[in-house]
């Protein structure tokens, strides 16, 4: 009885930590997206907003005012470009980050394939089913037999909870791995 209680406590702790890590990951993705949007808007405003010369303070005499106007005119002519070095740096940095980085919100299909090869191929090699032959991972069979039809959400539910002779992988795999393998199966179903 103590072993069962200890196992239940371990399972609850495991589920809590996975749910917490999923929430933290979602929050960090949202924070990164917010920072990227803010930087993009700031960079765009630097390119669009023209630079204006500084206004001179009030002068007591007409001659001083004329000298200040001439100085402002000369300064405005020397600033022939509205391109800010900070804006150029921010734009280039954002371009490099967007073009060179992996998409943060997209499923990792390479990881999905490796999770599939490590956990699913014993029964589903090549999209087939060695246990129940008609319940393959091909699109037509998934549309017919999968609860909820042919969708990533339905595949995630099946992988997480299992059904009939398929075991549940919700405690063995993390949420990201389940998401990745579900997207991999969804993409491969029409190719197998």
N, C-alpha and C. Protein backbone atom coordinates (compact mmCIF):
# COMPACT_ATOMS: atom_id res chain seq x y z
N UNK A 1 0.83 -1.19 0.00
CA UNK A 1 0.00 0.00 0.00
C UNK A 1 0.87 1.26 0.00
N UNK A 2 1.99 1.20 0.75
CA UNK A 2 2.87 2.36 0.79
C UNK A 2 3.53 2.59 -0.57
N UNK A 3 3.84 1.51 -1.26
CA UNK A 3 4.45 1.63 -2.59
C UNK A 3 3.48 2.29 -3.56
N UNK A 4 2.20 1.94 -3.47
CA UNK A 4 1.18 2.54 -4.34
C UNK A 4 1.03 4.02 -4.03
N UNK A 5 1.01 4.37 -2.73
CA UNK A 5 0.92 5.78 -2.35
C UNK A 5 2.15 6.56 -2.81
N UNK A 6 3.32 5.96 -2.66
CA UNK A 6 4.55 6.61 -3.11
C UNK A 6 4.53 6.81 -4.62
N UNK A 7 4.05 5.80 -5.35
CA UNK A 7 3.97 5.92 -6.82
C UNK A 7 2.98 7.00 -7.22
N UNK A 8 1.84 7.07 -6.52
CA UNK A 8 0.83 8.09 -6.83
C UNK A 8 1.40 9.48 -6.55
N UNK A 9 2.14 9.62 -5.45
CA UNK A 9 2.76 10.90 -5.12
C UNK A 9 3.79 11.29 -6.17
N UNK A 10 4.59 10.32 -6.62
CA UNK A 10 5.58 10.57 -7.65
C UNK A 10 4.91 10.98 -8.96
N UNK A 11 3.81 10.29 -9.30
CA UNK A 11 3.07 10.62 -10.53
C UNK A 11 2.51 12.03 -10.46
N UNK A 12 1.94 12.41 -9.30
CA UNK A 12 1.39 13.77 -9.17
C UNK A 12 2.50 14.81 -9.30
N UNK A 13 3.65 14.55 -8.68
CA UNK A 13 4.77 15.48 -8.77
C UNK A 13 5.27 15.59 -10.20
N UNK A 14 5.34 14.45 -10.89
CA UNK A 14 5.78 14.43 -12.29
C UNK A 14 4.81 15.24 -13.16
N UNK A 15 3.50 15.01 -12.99
CA UNK A 15 2.50 15.73 -13.77
C UNK A 15 2.54 17.22 -13.45
N UNK A 16 2.72 17.57 -12.17
CA UNK A 16 2.82 18.97 -11.79
C UNK A 16 4.02 19.63 -12.45
N UNK A 17 5.17 18.96 -12.42
CA UNK A 17 6.38 19.55 -13.01
C UNK A 17 6.24 19.70 -14.52
N UNK A 18 5.59 18.73 -15.18
CA UNK A 18 5.39 18.85 -16.63
C UNK A 18 4.44 19.99 -16.96
N UNK A 19 3.35 20.10 -16.18
CA UNK A 19 2.42 21.21 -16.42
C UNK A 19 3.08 22.55 -16.16
N UNK A 20 3.91 22.63 -15.11
CA UNK A 20 4.62 23.85 -14.81
C UNK A 20 5.61 24.20 -15.91
N UNK A 21 6.35 23.19 -16.41
CA UNK A 21 7.31 23.47 -17.48
C UNK A 21 6.59 23.89 -18.75
N UNK A 22 5.42 23.33 -19.01
CA UNK A 22 4.64 23.73 -20.20
C UNK A 22 4.20 25.19 -20.07
N UNK A 23 3.75 25.58 -18.85
CA UNK A 23 3.33 26.96 -18.65
C UNK A 23 4.50 27.93 -18.76
N UNK A 24 5.64 27.55 -18.17
CA UNK A 24 6.83 28.41 -18.24
C UNK A 24 7.28 28.57 -19.68
N UNK A 25 7.26 27.47 -20.45
CA UNK A 25 7.65 27.53 -21.85
C UNK A 25 6.70 28.43 -22.63
N UNK A 26 5.41 28.30 -22.38
CA UNK A 26 4.44 29.15 -23.07
C UNK A 26 4.65 30.61 -22.71
N UNK A 27 4.94 30.88 -21.42
CA UNK A 27 5.18 32.25 -20.99
C UNK A 27 6.46 32.80 -21.60
N UNK A 28 7.52 31.98 -21.66
CA UNK A 28 8.77 32.48 -22.23
C UNK A 28 8.62 32.72 -23.73
N UNK A 29 7.86 31.89 -24.40
CA UNK A 29 7.60 32.13 -25.83
C UNK A 29 6.84 33.43 -26.02
N UNK A 30 5.83 33.67 -25.16
CA UNK A 30 5.06 34.90 -25.26
C UNK A 30 5.93 36.11 -24.96
N UNK A 31 6.81 35.99 -23.97
CA UNK A 31 7.70 37.11 -23.64
C UNK A 31 8.65 37.40 -24.79
N UNK A 32 9.22 36.37 -25.40
CA UNK A 32 10.12 36.56 -26.54
C UNK A 32 9.39 37.20 -27.71
N UNK A 33 8.18 36.74 -27.95
CA UNK A 33 7.38 37.30 -29.04
C UNK A 33 7.07 38.77 -28.77
N UNK A 34 6.75 39.10 -27.51
CA UNK A 34 6.46 40.50 -27.16
C UNK A 34 7.69 41.38 -27.34
N UNK A 35 8.85 40.90 -26.93
CA UNK A 35 10.08 41.67 -27.10
C UNK A 35 10.38 41.86 -28.59
N UNK A 36 10.21 40.82 -29.38
CA UNK A 36 10.47 40.93 -30.82
C UNK A 36 9.53 41.94 -31.47
N UNK A 37 8.26 41.92 -31.09
CA UNK A 37 7.30 42.87 -31.65
C UNK A 37 7.67 44.30 -31.23
N UNK A 38 8.04 44.48 -29.96
CA UNK A 38 8.41 45.81 -29.49
C UNK A 38 9.63 46.34 -30.22
N UNK A 39 10.64 45.49 -30.39
CA UNK A 39 11.84 45.91 -31.13
C UNK A 39 11.52 46.22 -32.59
N UNK A 40 10.67 45.41 -33.18
CA UNK A 40 10.28 45.66 -34.57
C UNK A 40 9.56 46.98 -34.73
N UNK A 41 8.64 47.27 -33.81
CA UNK A 41 7.92 48.55 -33.87
C UNK A 41 8.86 49.72 -33.62
N UNK A 42 9.78 49.57 -32.68
CA UNK A 42 10.74 50.64 -32.41
C UNK A 42 11.63 50.87 -33.64
N UNK A 43 12.12 49.78 -34.23
CA UNK A 43 12.96 49.91 -35.43
C UNK A 43 12.21 50.57 -36.57
N UNK A 44 10.96 50.19 -36.74
CA UNK A 44 10.15 50.78 -37.81
C UNK A 44 9.92 52.27 -37.55
N UNK A 45 9.69 52.62 -36.30
CA UNK A 45 9.46 54.04 -36.01
C UNK A 45 10.73 54.86 -36.23
N UNK A 46 11.88 54.26 -36.03
CA UNK A 46 13.13 54.98 -36.27
C UNK A 46 13.31 55.27 -37.76
N UNK A 47 12.84 54.36 -38.61
CA UNK A 47 12.98 54.57 -40.05
C UNK A 47 11.92 55.53 -40.57
N UNK A 48 10.76 55.51 -39.99
CA UNK A 48 9.64 56.30 -40.51
C UNK A 48 9.65 57.72 -39.95
N UNK A 49 9.93 57.88 -38.68
CA UNK A 49 9.89 59.18 -38.03
C UNK A 49 11.09 60.01 -38.46
N UNK A 50 10.88 61.15 -39.09
CA UNK A 50 12.02 61.97 -39.50
C UNK A 50 12.66 62.63 -38.29
N UNK A 51 13.96 62.85 -38.41
CA UNK A 51 14.68 63.54 -37.35
C UNK A 51 14.50 65.04 -37.56
N UNK A 52 14.16 65.75 -36.51
CA UNK A 52 13.97 67.19 -36.62
C UNK A 52 15.08 67.89 -35.85
N UNK A 53 15.53 69.04 -36.36
CA UNK A 53 16.56 69.78 -35.62
C UNK A 53 16.00 70.28 -34.31
N UNK A 54 16.87 70.41 -33.33
CA UNK A 54 16.45 70.88 -32.02
C UNK A 54 16.10 72.36 -32.11
N UNK A 55 15.08 72.72 -31.37
CA UNK A 55 14.70 74.14 -31.39
C UNK A 55 15.61 74.90 -30.43
N UNK A 56 15.96 76.13 -30.83
CA UNK A 56 16.86 76.95 -30.02
C UNK A 56 16.05 77.65 -28.93
N UNK A 57 16.66 77.89 -27.77
CA UNK A 57 15.94 78.61 -26.72
C UNK A 57 15.72 80.08 -27.13
N UNK A 58 14.77 80.69 -26.48
CA UNK A 58 14.45 82.09 -26.76
C UNK A 58 15.70 82.96 -26.57
N UNK A 59 15.93 83.87 -27.52
CA UNK A 59 17.09 84.78 -27.42
C UNK A 59 16.59 86.18 -27.11
N UNK A 60 17.41 86.95 -26.43
CA UNK A 60 17.01 88.29 -26.04
C UNK A 60 17.12 89.28 -27.18
N UNK A 61 18.00 89.06 -28.13
CA UNK A 61 18.18 90.05 -29.19
C UNK A 61 17.90 89.43 -30.54
N UNK A 62 17.64 90.23 -31.51
CA UNK A 62 17.37 89.80 -32.87
C UNK A 62 18.61 89.17 -33.49
N UNK A 63 19.76 89.73 -33.22
CA UNK A 63 21.01 89.21 -33.79
C UNK A 63 21.30 87.81 -33.28
N UNK A 64 21.07 87.60 -32.00
CA UNK A 64 21.31 86.27 -31.43
C UNK A 64 20.33 85.26 -32.04
N UNK A 65 19.11 85.67 -32.28
CA UNK A 65 18.11 84.79 -32.88
C UNK A 65 18.51 84.43 -34.30
N UNK A 66 19.03 85.41 -35.05
CA UNK A 66 19.47 85.14 -36.42
C UNK A 66 20.64 84.17 -36.42
N UNK A 67 21.58 84.33 -35.50
CA UNK A 67 22.73 83.41 -35.42
C UNK A 67 22.27 81.99 -35.08
N UNK A 68 21.31 81.90 -34.18
CA UNK A 68 20.81 80.57 -33.81
C UNK A 68 20.08 79.92 -34.99
N UNK A 69 19.31 80.70 -35.75
CA UNK A 69 18.62 80.15 -36.91
C UNK A 69 19.62 79.68 -37.96
N UNK A 70 20.69 80.45 -38.17
CA UNK A 70 21.71 80.04 -39.14
C UNK A 70 22.39 78.76 -38.67
N UNK A 71 22.66 78.65 -37.37
CA UNK A 71 23.28 77.44 -36.82
C UNK A 71 22.36 76.23 -36.98
N UNK A 72 21.06 76.42 -36.73
CA UNK A 72 20.10 75.33 -36.87
C UNK A 72 19.99 74.91 -38.32
N UNK A 73 20.02 75.91 -39.25
CA UNK A 73 19.94 75.60 -40.67
C UNK A 73 21.16 74.79 -41.12
N UNK A 74 22.34 75.20 -40.65
CA UNK A 74 23.57 74.48 -41.00
C UNK A 74 23.55 73.07 -40.41
N UNK A 75 23.03 72.93 -39.19
CA UNK A 75 22.94 71.61 -38.57
C UNK A 75 21.97 70.72 -39.33
N UNK A 76 20.84 71.29 -39.78
CA UNK A 76 19.86 70.52 -40.53
C UNK A 76 20.43 70.07 -41.86
N UNK A 77 21.25 70.93 -42.50
CA UNK A 77 21.85 70.53 -43.76
C UNK A 77 22.90 69.44 -43.56
N UNK A 78 23.61 69.48 -42.43
CA UNK A 78 24.63 68.45 -42.20
C UNK A 78 24.00 67.10 -41.91
N UNK A 79 22.76 67.12 -41.41
CA UNK A 79 22.04 65.86 -41.18
C UNK A 79 21.19 65.56 -42.40
N UNK A 80 21.83 65.20 -43.48
CA UNK A 80 21.10 65.00 -44.73
C UNK A 80 20.33 63.69 -44.74
N UNK A 81 20.55 62.83 -43.79
CA UNK A 81 19.89 61.53 -43.79
C UNK A 81 19.07 61.36 -42.52
N UNK A 82 17.93 60.72 -42.63
CA UNK A 82 17.10 60.43 -41.47
C UNK A 82 17.36 59.01 -40.96
N UNK A 83 18.39 58.36 -41.43
CA UNK A 83 18.72 56.99 -41.02
C UNK A 83 19.49 57.03 -39.71
N UNK A 84 18.97 56.39 -38.73
CA UNK A 84 19.60 56.35 -37.41
C UNK A 84 20.46 55.09 -37.31
N UNK A 85 21.70 55.20 -36.84
CA UNK A 85 22.54 54.01 -36.68
C UNK A 85 21.91 52.99 -35.73
N UNK A 86 21.21 53.45 -34.71
CA UNK A 86 20.54 52.55 -33.79
C UNK A 86 19.44 51.77 -34.50
N UNK A 87 18.70 52.47 -35.36
CA UNK A 87 17.62 51.80 -36.10
C UNK A 87 18.18 50.77 -37.06
N UNK A 88 19.27 51.11 -37.73
CA UNK A 88 19.89 50.17 -38.66
C UNK A 88 20.38 48.93 -37.91
N UNK A 89 21.01 49.12 -36.75
CA UNK A 89 21.48 47.99 -35.95
C UNK A 89 20.34 47.13 -35.46
N UNK A 90 19.27 47.76 -35.00
CA UNK A 90 18.11 47.00 -34.52
C UNK A 90 17.47 46.22 -35.66
N UNK A 91 17.35 46.85 -36.82
CA UNK A 91 16.74 46.16 -37.96
C UNK A 91 17.60 44.98 -38.42
N UNK A 92 18.91 45.19 -38.50
CA UNK A 92 19.80 44.08 -38.89
C UNK A 92 19.77 42.96 -37.87
N UNK A 93 19.77 43.30 -36.59
CA UNK A 93 19.71 42.27 -35.55
C UNK A 93 18.42 41.48 -35.61
N UNK A 94 17.32 42.16 -35.82
CA UNK A 94 16.03 41.49 -35.94
C UNK A 94 15.99 40.61 -37.18
N UNK A 95 16.53 41.10 -38.27
CA UNK A 95 16.57 40.31 -39.50
C UNK A 95 17.39 39.04 -39.31
N UNK A 96 18.53 39.15 -38.66
CA UNK A 96 19.37 37.97 -38.42
C UNK A 96 18.67 36.99 -37.49
N UNK A 97 18.02 37.51 -36.45
CA UNK A 97 17.33 36.64 -35.51
C UNK A 97 16.17 35.90 -36.17
N UNK A 98 15.42 36.60 -37.02
CA UNK A 98 14.28 35.96 -37.68
C UNK A 98 14.74 35.00 -38.76
N UNK A 99 15.72 35.40 -39.56
CA UNK A 99 16.16 34.55 -40.67
C UNK A 99 17.00 33.37 -40.21
N UNK A 100 17.79 33.55 -39.16
CA UNK A 100 18.71 32.49 -38.75
C UNK A 100 18.19 31.57 -37.67
N UNK A 101 17.15 31.97 -36.95
CA UNK A 101 16.68 31.17 -35.84
C UNK A 101 15.61 30.18 -36.25
N UNK A 102 15.43 29.19 -35.38
CA UNK A 102 14.34 28.23 -35.58
C UNK A 102 13.04 28.89 -35.17
N UNK A 103 11.94 28.56 -35.82
CA UNK A 103 10.67 29.12 -35.37
C UNK A 103 10.34 28.61 -33.97
N UNK A 104 10.03 29.50 -33.08
CA UNK A 104 9.82 29.13 -31.69
C UNK A 104 8.50 28.41 -31.47
N UNK A 105 7.52 28.71 -32.26
CA UNK A 105 6.21 28.15 -32.03
C UNK A 105 5.90 26.94 -32.90
N UNK A 106 6.73 26.62 -33.84
CA UNK A 106 6.46 25.51 -34.73
C UNK A 106 6.91 24.21 -34.10
N UNK A 107 6.28 23.12 -34.54
CA UNK A 107 6.65 21.80 -34.05
C UNK A 107 8.01 21.41 -34.64
N UNK A 108 8.78 20.68 -33.87
CA UNK A 108 10.09 20.21 -34.30
C UNK A 108 9.90 18.83 -34.93
N UNK A 109 9.82 18.79 -36.26
CA UNK A 109 9.54 17.54 -36.95
C UNK A 109 10.70 16.55 -36.88
N UNK A 110 11.92 17.07 -36.78
CA UNK A 110 13.07 16.16 -36.63
C UNK A 110 12.99 15.45 -35.29
N UNK A 111 12.64 16.19 -34.24
CA UNK A 111 12.46 15.56 -32.93
C UNK A 111 11.28 14.60 -32.98
N UNK A 112 10.21 14.99 -33.67
CA UNK A 112 9.05 14.10 -33.81
C UNK A 112 9.41 12.79 -34.47
N UNK A 113 10.25 12.87 -35.50
CA UNK A 113 10.68 11.64 -36.17
C UNK A 113 11.52 10.78 -35.24
N UNK A 114 12.41 11.38 -34.47
CA UNK A 114 13.25 10.59 -33.56
C UNK A 114 12.41 9.99 -32.43
N UNK A 115 11.41 10.73 -31.92
CA UNK A 115 10.51 10.18 -30.90
C UNK A 115 9.72 9.01 -31.50
N UNK A 116 9.25 9.18 -32.72
CA UNK A 116 8.50 8.11 -33.39
C UNK A 116 9.38 6.87 -33.56
N UNK A 117 10.61 7.06 -34.03
CA UNK A 117 11.51 5.93 -34.23
C UNK A 117 11.87 5.24 -32.92
N UNK A 118 11.95 5.99 -31.84
CA UNK A 118 12.31 5.41 -30.55
C UNK A 118 11.17 4.76 -29.81
N UNK A 119 9.93 5.17 -30.09
CA UNK A 119 8.80 4.69 -29.28
C UNK A 119 7.69 4.01 -30.08
N UNK A 120 7.56 4.33 -31.35
CA UNK A 120 6.37 3.91 -32.10
C UNK A 120 6.64 2.86 -33.17
N UNK A 121 7.87 2.79 -33.67
CA UNK A 121 8.13 1.92 -34.82
C UNK A 121 7.99 0.44 -34.50
N UNK A 122 8.06 0.07 -33.23
CA UNK A 122 7.89 -1.36 -32.92
C UNK A 122 6.51 -1.84 -33.36
N UNK A 123 5.50 -0.98 -33.33
CA UNK A 123 4.16 -1.36 -33.79
C UNK A 123 3.75 -0.64 -35.08
N UNK A 124 4.34 0.52 -35.36
CA UNK A 124 3.87 1.35 -36.48
C UNK A 124 4.95 1.64 -37.51
N UNK A 125 5.84 0.73 -37.76
CA UNK A 125 6.89 0.95 -38.75
C UNK A 125 6.27 1.21 -40.12
N UNK A 126 6.73 2.27 -40.76
CA UNK A 126 6.23 2.61 -42.10
C UNK A 126 4.78 3.02 -42.12
N UNK A 127 4.22 3.41 -40.96
CA UNK A 127 2.82 3.81 -40.90
C UNK A 127 1.86 2.65 -40.80
N UNK A 128 2.38 1.44 -40.68
CA UNK A 128 1.52 0.26 -40.56
C UNK A 128 1.18 0.00 -39.09
N UNK A 129 0.45 -1.07 -38.83
CA UNK A 129 0.10 -1.46 -37.47
C UNK A 129 0.26 -2.97 -37.37
N UNK A 130 1.23 -3.41 -36.58
CA UNK A 130 1.49 -4.85 -36.46
C UNK A 130 0.52 -5.54 -35.51
N UNK A 131 -0.22 -4.78 -34.70
CA UNK A 131 -1.16 -5.36 -33.73
C UNK A 131 -2.54 -5.50 -34.35
N UNK A 132 -3.08 -4.40 -34.89
CA UNK A 132 -4.39 -4.40 -35.55
C UNK A 132 -4.16 -3.86 -36.95
N UNK A 133 -4.10 -4.75 -37.91
CA UNK A 133 -3.63 -4.41 -39.26
C UNK A 133 -4.42 -3.29 -39.94
N UNK A 134 -5.73 -3.20 -39.72
CA UNK A 134 -6.51 -2.18 -40.44
C UNK A 134 -6.35 -0.78 -39.82
N UNK A 135 -5.85 -0.68 -38.60
CA UNK A 135 -5.69 0.62 -37.93
C UNK A 135 -4.27 1.14 -38.13
N UNK A 136 -4.01 1.52 -39.36
CA UNK A 136 -2.68 2.04 -39.74
C UNK A 136 -2.61 3.53 -39.43
N UNK A 137 -1.46 4.10 -39.64
CA UNK A 137 -1.28 5.54 -39.45
C UNK A 137 -1.39 6.30 -40.77
N UNK A 138 -2.04 5.68 -41.72
CA UNK A 138 -2.27 6.34 -43.00
C UNK A 138 -3.51 7.22 -42.88
N UNK A 139 -3.55 8.27 -43.68
CA UNK A 139 -4.60 9.28 -43.56
C UNK A 139 -6.00 8.68 -43.57
N UNK A 140 -6.26 7.77 -44.48
CA UNK A 140 -7.60 7.18 -44.60
C UNK A 140 -7.99 6.44 -43.32
N UNK A 141 -7.05 5.69 -42.76
CA UNK A 141 -7.34 4.94 -41.53
C UNK A 141 -7.51 5.88 -40.34
N UNK A 142 -6.70 6.93 -40.28
CA UNK A 142 -6.83 7.88 -39.18
C UNK A 142 -8.18 8.60 -39.24
N UNK A 143 -8.63 8.94 -40.44
CA UNK A 143 -9.94 9.58 -40.59
C UNK A 143 -11.06 8.65 -40.13
N UNK A 144 -10.87 7.36 -40.34
CA UNK A 144 -11.91 6.38 -40.02
C UNK A 144 -11.88 5.95 -38.55
N UNK A 145 -10.71 5.67 -38.00
CA UNK A 145 -10.61 5.05 -36.68
C UNK A 145 -10.23 5.99 -35.54
N UNK A 146 -9.61 7.10 -35.81
CA UNK A 146 -9.13 7.98 -34.75
C UNK A 146 -10.28 8.80 -34.18
N UNK A 147 -10.46 8.76 -32.87
CA UNK A 147 -11.50 9.55 -32.23
C UNK A 147 -11.21 11.03 -32.45
N UNK A 148 -12.14 11.73 -33.05
CA UNK A 148 -11.93 13.14 -33.36
C UNK A 148 -11.47 13.36 -34.78
N UNK A 149 -11.21 12.27 -35.51
CA UNK A 149 -10.82 12.40 -36.91
C UNK A 149 -9.36 12.73 -37.11
N UNK A 150 -9.03 13.03 -38.33
CA UNK A 150 -7.65 13.28 -38.75
C UNK A 150 -7.25 14.70 -38.37
N UNK A 151 -6.66 14.86 -37.18
CA UNK A 151 -6.18 16.16 -36.72
C UNK A 151 -5.04 15.95 -35.75
N UNK A 152 -4.22 16.97 -35.60
CA UNK A 152 -3.08 16.91 -34.67
C UNK A 152 -3.60 16.74 -33.25
N UNK A 153 -4.67 17.45 -32.89
CA UNK A 153 -5.22 17.35 -31.53
C UNK A 153 -5.68 15.93 -31.22
N UNK A 154 -6.30 15.26 -32.18
CA UNK A 154 -6.75 13.88 -31.98
C UNK A 154 -5.57 12.93 -31.81
N UNK A 155 -4.51 13.16 -32.57
CA UNK A 155 -3.31 12.32 -32.45
C UNK A 155 -2.65 12.55 -31.10
N UNK A 156 -2.61 13.79 -30.64
CA UNK A 156 -2.05 14.10 -29.32
C UNK A 156 -2.84 13.37 -28.23
N UNK A 157 -4.16 13.39 -28.33
CA UNK A 157 -5.00 12.70 -27.34
C UNK A 157 -4.73 11.21 -27.35
N UNK A 158 -4.63 10.61 -28.53
CA UNK A 158 -4.38 9.17 -28.65
C UNK A 158 -3.02 8.81 -28.06
N UNK A 159 -1.99 9.59 -28.38
CA UNK A 159 -0.64 9.30 -27.89
C UNK A 159 -0.59 9.49 -26.37
N UNK A 160 -1.22 10.53 -25.87
CA UNK A 160 -1.18 10.83 -24.43
C UNK A 160 -1.94 9.79 -23.61
N UNK A 161 -3.15 9.46 -24.03
CA UNK A 161 -4.02 8.60 -23.23
C UNK A 161 -4.03 7.14 -23.65
N UNK A 162 -3.61 6.84 -24.89
CA UNK A 162 -3.70 5.48 -25.38
C UNK A 162 -5.15 5.10 -25.64
N UNK A 163 -5.34 3.90 -26.20
CA UNK A 163 -6.70 3.41 -26.44
C UNK A 163 -6.60 1.96 -26.89
N UNK A 164 -7.46 1.15 -26.35
CA UNK A 164 -7.48 -0.29 -26.67
C UNK A 164 -6.08 -0.88 -26.46
N UNK A 165 -5.47 -1.43 -27.50
CA UNK A 165 -4.18 -2.08 -27.33
C UNK A 165 -3.00 -1.10 -27.38
N UNK A 166 -3.24 0.16 -27.68
CA UNK A 166 -2.16 1.14 -27.69
C UNK A 166 -1.95 1.69 -26.28
N UNK A 167 -0.73 1.62 -25.77
CA UNK A 167 -0.48 2.14 -24.43
C UNK A 167 -0.45 3.68 -24.43
N UNK A 168 -0.66 4.24 -23.24
CA UNK A 168 -0.59 5.69 -23.07
C UNK A 168 0.88 6.10 -22.92
N UNK A 169 1.25 7.19 -23.58
CA UNK A 169 2.62 7.70 -23.50
C UNK A 169 2.68 9.04 -22.75
N UNK A 170 1.55 9.44 -22.15
CA UNK A 170 1.47 10.72 -21.46
C UNK A 170 2.42 10.85 -20.29
N UNK A 171 2.76 9.74 -19.64
CA UNK A 171 3.68 9.79 -18.51
C UNK A 171 5.11 9.48 -18.93
N UNK A 172 5.27 8.90 -20.10
CA UNK A 172 6.61 8.53 -20.58
C UNK A 172 7.26 9.67 -21.37
N UNK A 173 6.45 10.39 -22.14
CA UNK A 173 6.97 11.46 -23.00
C UNK A 173 6.52 12.82 -22.45
N UNK A 174 7.33 13.81 -22.68
CA UNK A 174 6.98 15.17 -22.30
C UNK A 174 5.98 15.76 -23.28
N UNK A 175 5.31 16.85 -22.89
CA UNK A 175 4.31 17.47 -23.77
C UNK A 175 4.87 17.93 -25.11
N UNK A 176 6.10 18.45 -25.11
CA UNK A 176 6.70 18.89 -26.37
C UNK A 176 6.99 17.71 -27.29
N UNK A 177 7.46 16.60 -26.71
CA UNK A 177 7.72 15.41 -27.52
C UNK A 177 6.43 14.86 -28.11
N UNK A 178 5.36 14.86 -27.32
CA UNK A 178 4.06 14.38 -27.82
C UNK A 178 3.57 15.28 -28.93
N UNK A 179 3.71 16.58 -28.76
CA UNK A 179 3.30 17.53 -29.79
C UNK A 179 4.12 17.32 -31.07
N UNK A 180 5.42 17.13 -30.91
CA UNK A 180 6.29 16.93 -32.08
C UNK A 180 5.96 15.64 -32.82
N UNK A 181 5.76 14.53 -32.08
CA UNK A 181 5.47 13.26 -32.74
C UNK A 181 4.08 13.29 -33.38
N UNK A 182 3.13 14.00 -32.77
CA UNK A 182 1.79 14.11 -33.37
C UNK A 182 1.86 14.88 -34.68
N UNK A 183 2.62 15.97 -34.71
CA UNK A 183 2.78 16.73 -35.96
C UNK A 183 3.52 15.92 -37.01
N UNK A 184 4.48 15.10 -36.57
CA UNK A 184 5.21 14.24 -37.51
C UNK A 184 4.26 13.21 -38.13
N UNK A 185 3.48 12.55 -37.29
CA UNK A 185 2.53 11.53 -37.80
C UNK A 185 1.50 12.19 -38.72
N UNK A 186 1.01 13.35 -38.34
CA UNK A 186 0.03 14.06 -39.16
C UNK A 186 0.60 14.36 -40.55
N UNK A 187 1.85 14.81 -40.58
CA UNK A 187 2.49 15.12 -41.86
C UNK A 187 2.81 13.89 -42.68
N UNK A 188 3.17 12.80 -42.02
CA UNK A 188 3.55 11.58 -42.72
C UNK A 188 2.36 10.75 -43.18
N UNK A 189 1.19 10.94 -42.57
CA UNK A 189 0.05 10.08 -42.83
C UNK A 189 -0.34 10.05 -44.31
N UNK A 190 -0.18 11.14 -45.00
CA UNK A 190 -0.54 11.15 -46.43
C UNK A 190 0.60 10.66 -47.30
N UNK A 191 1.81 10.44 -46.70
CA UNK A 191 2.96 9.99 -47.47
C UNK A 191 3.20 8.49 -47.33
N UNK A 192 2.73 7.90 -46.21
CA UNK A 192 2.96 6.46 -46.01
C UNK A 192 2.12 5.63 -46.94
